[in-house]
Protein backbone atom coordinates (compact mmCIF):
# COMPACT_ATOMS: atom_id res chain seq x y z
CA GLN A 1 54.71 136.23 94.85
CA VAL A 2 56.47 133.59 92.79
CA GLN A 3 59.85 134.68 91.45
CA LEU A 4 61.66 133.04 88.56
CA VAL A 5 65.34 133.35 87.74
CA ASP A 6 66.47 131.91 84.45
CA SER A 7 70.06 131.37 83.41
CA GLY A 8 72.39 129.38 81.19
CA GLY A 9 72.39 131.34 77.96
CA GLY A 10 75.49 131.86 75.89
CA LEU A 11 77.18 132.21 72.52
CA LEU A 12 77.33 128.96 70.58
CA GLN A 13 77.86 127.52 67.13
CA ALA A 14 75.35 125.63 65.04
CA GLY A 15 75.05 122.04 66.21
CA ASP A 16 76.03 122.82 69.79
CA SER A 17 74.01 121.95 72.87
CA LEU A 18 73.00 124.11 75.82
CA ARG A 19 70.98 123.68 78.98
CA LEU A 20 68.93 126.53 80.42
CA SER A 21 67.77 126.59 84.03
CA CYS A 22 64.92 128.32 85.79
CA VAL A 23 64.79 128.46 89.57
CA ALA A 24 61.49 129.27 91.24
CA SER A 25 61.18 130.80 94.68
CA GLY A 26 58.37 132.03 96.89
CA PRO A 27 55.08 130.10 97.15
CA THR A 28 56.12 127.50 94.58
CA SER A 29 53.39 125.10 95.68
CA CYS A 30 50.96 127.27 93.73
CA ILE A 31 52.77 126.58 90.45
CA ALA A 32 51.01 124.03 88.26
CA THR A 33 52.69 124.62 84.92
CA MET A 34 56.06 125.94 83.87
CA GLY A 35 57.26 126.75 80.42
CA TRP A 36 59.78 128.38 78.16
CA PHE A 37 59.19 131.11 75.63
CA ARG A 38 61.67 132.90 73.39
CA GLN A 39 61.83 136.24 71.64
CA ALA A 40 64.06 137.03 68.72
CA PRO A 41 64.83 140.63 67.73
CA GLY A 42 61.88 142.22 65.98
CA LYS A 43 59.63 139.23 66.60
CA GLU A 44 56.90 138.39 69.05
CA ARG A 45 57.55 136.19 72.05
CA GLU A 46 56.79 132.60 71.07
CA PHE A 47 56.10 129.41 72.96
CA VAL A 48 58.83 126.78 73.13
CA ALA A 49 57.91 124.10 75.65
CA GLU A 50 55.86 123.45 78.77
CA ILE A 51 55.77 120.98 81.63
CA ARG A 52 53.19 120.22 84.28
CA ARG A 53 54.90 120.44 87.62
CA ASN A 54 53.25 117.42 89.27
CA SER A 55 52.85 114.88 86.47
CA GLY A 56 55.79 115.93 84.31
CA THR A 57 53.57 115.95 81.24
CA THR A 58 55.27 117.92 78.49
CA TYR A 59 54.14 119.91 75.50
CA TYR A 60 56.36 121.30 72.74
CA ALA A 61 56.20 123.71 69.88
CA ASP A 62 56.54 121.83 66.60
CA PHE A 63 59.77 123.57 65.68
CA VAL A 64 61.67 122.14 68.69
CA LYS A 65 60.35 118.60 68.79
CA GLY A 66 63.21 116.13 68.80
CA ARG A 67 65.81 118.80 69.57
CA PHE A 68 64.72 120.35 72.89
CA THR A 69 63.72 118.59 76.09
CA ILE A 70 62.01 120.23 79.04
CA PHE A 71 62.27 118.62 82.47
CA ARG A 72 62.09 119.61 86.10
CA ASP A 73 63.47 118.80 89.53
CA ASN A 74 60.75 119.68 92.00
CA ALA A 75 63.02 119.12 94.99
CA LYS A 76 65.18 121.96 93.68
CA ASN A 77 62.26 124.03 92.37
CA THR A 78 64.12 124.09 89.09
CA MET A 79 63.04 123.62 85.51
CA TYR A 80 65.43 122.99 82.64
CA LEU A 81 65.49 123.24 78.88
CA GLN A 82 68.02 120.98 77.20
CA MET A 83 68.66 122.28 73.71
CA ASN A 84 70.49 120.12 71.18
CA SER A 85 71.38 120.61 67.52
CA LEU A 86 71.06 124.35 67.90
CA LYS A 87 70.49 126.43 64.79
CA PRO A 88 71.05 130.13 64.07
CA GLY A 89 67.25 130.44 64.01
CA ASP A 90 67.20 129.51 67.70
CA THR A 91 68.91 132.81 68.53
CA ALA A 92 66.68 134.65 70.96
CA VAL A 93 66.17 135.71 74.54
CA TYR A 94 64.70 132.72 76.36
CA TYR A 95 62.25 133.32 79.19
CA CYS A 96 60.93 130.88 81.73
CA ALA A 97 57.35 131.31 82.85
CA ALA A 98 54.87 129.79 85.26
CA LEU A 99 51.18 129.75 86.09
CA GLY A 100 48.95 128.28 88.72
CA THR A 101 46.68 126.23 86.45
CA TYR A 102 46.84 123.68 83.67
CA LEU A 103 46.33 124.61 80.05
CA GLN A 104 44.49 122.47 77.54
CA ILE A 105 46.07 121.36 74.30
CA GLY A 106 46.23 124.26 71.93
CA ARG A 107 47.96 127.50 71.14
CA ARG A 108 50.14 129.00 73.83
CA VAL A 109 50.52 132.76 74.22
CA PRO A 110 52.46 134.77 76.80
CA SER A 111 49.31 136.25 78.33
CA GLN A 112 48.36 132.79 79.63
CA TYR A 113 51.31 132.82 82.03
CA ASP A 114 51.42 134.74 85.30
CA TYR A 115 55.08 134.78 86.30
CA TRP A 116 58.20 135.45 84.24
CA GLY A 117 61.93 135.24 84.53
CA GLN A 118 64.17 138.05 83.37
CA GLY A 119 65.36 136.20 80.28
CA THR A 120 68.67 134.72 79.17
CA GLN A 121 70.27 135.36 75.80
CA VAL A 122 71.07 132.46 73.49
CA THR A 123 73.04 133.29 70.35
CA VAL A 124 73.83 130.64 67.75
CA SER A 125 76.25 131.41 64.94
CA SER A 126 76.52 129.48 61.69
């Protein structure tokens, strides 16, 4: 069973930067895709970014393009989310996720992913 542990959240001000980490353990060779979702209070969990583990191909939600960067270090079984120019609207619990297949271009929903981290809180004040 793949296990994911995400970390790096914190309390920040608008304009700040933050890097989240997600460490995978277990049979990590079965992971094909890793991603980040977020969930704000009272809202549904939404897709943020995704990366294919082997090729490094990335895919982003429109609202984070140019501000967030997803990347990975396969040797460390770790995925990252570099978040720049943070806004109060980015306040949410951020979850890393993984699955054993590749997804085609299109809408991303949580049910597509098999494994989840416990979440890390990011709070951005104005």
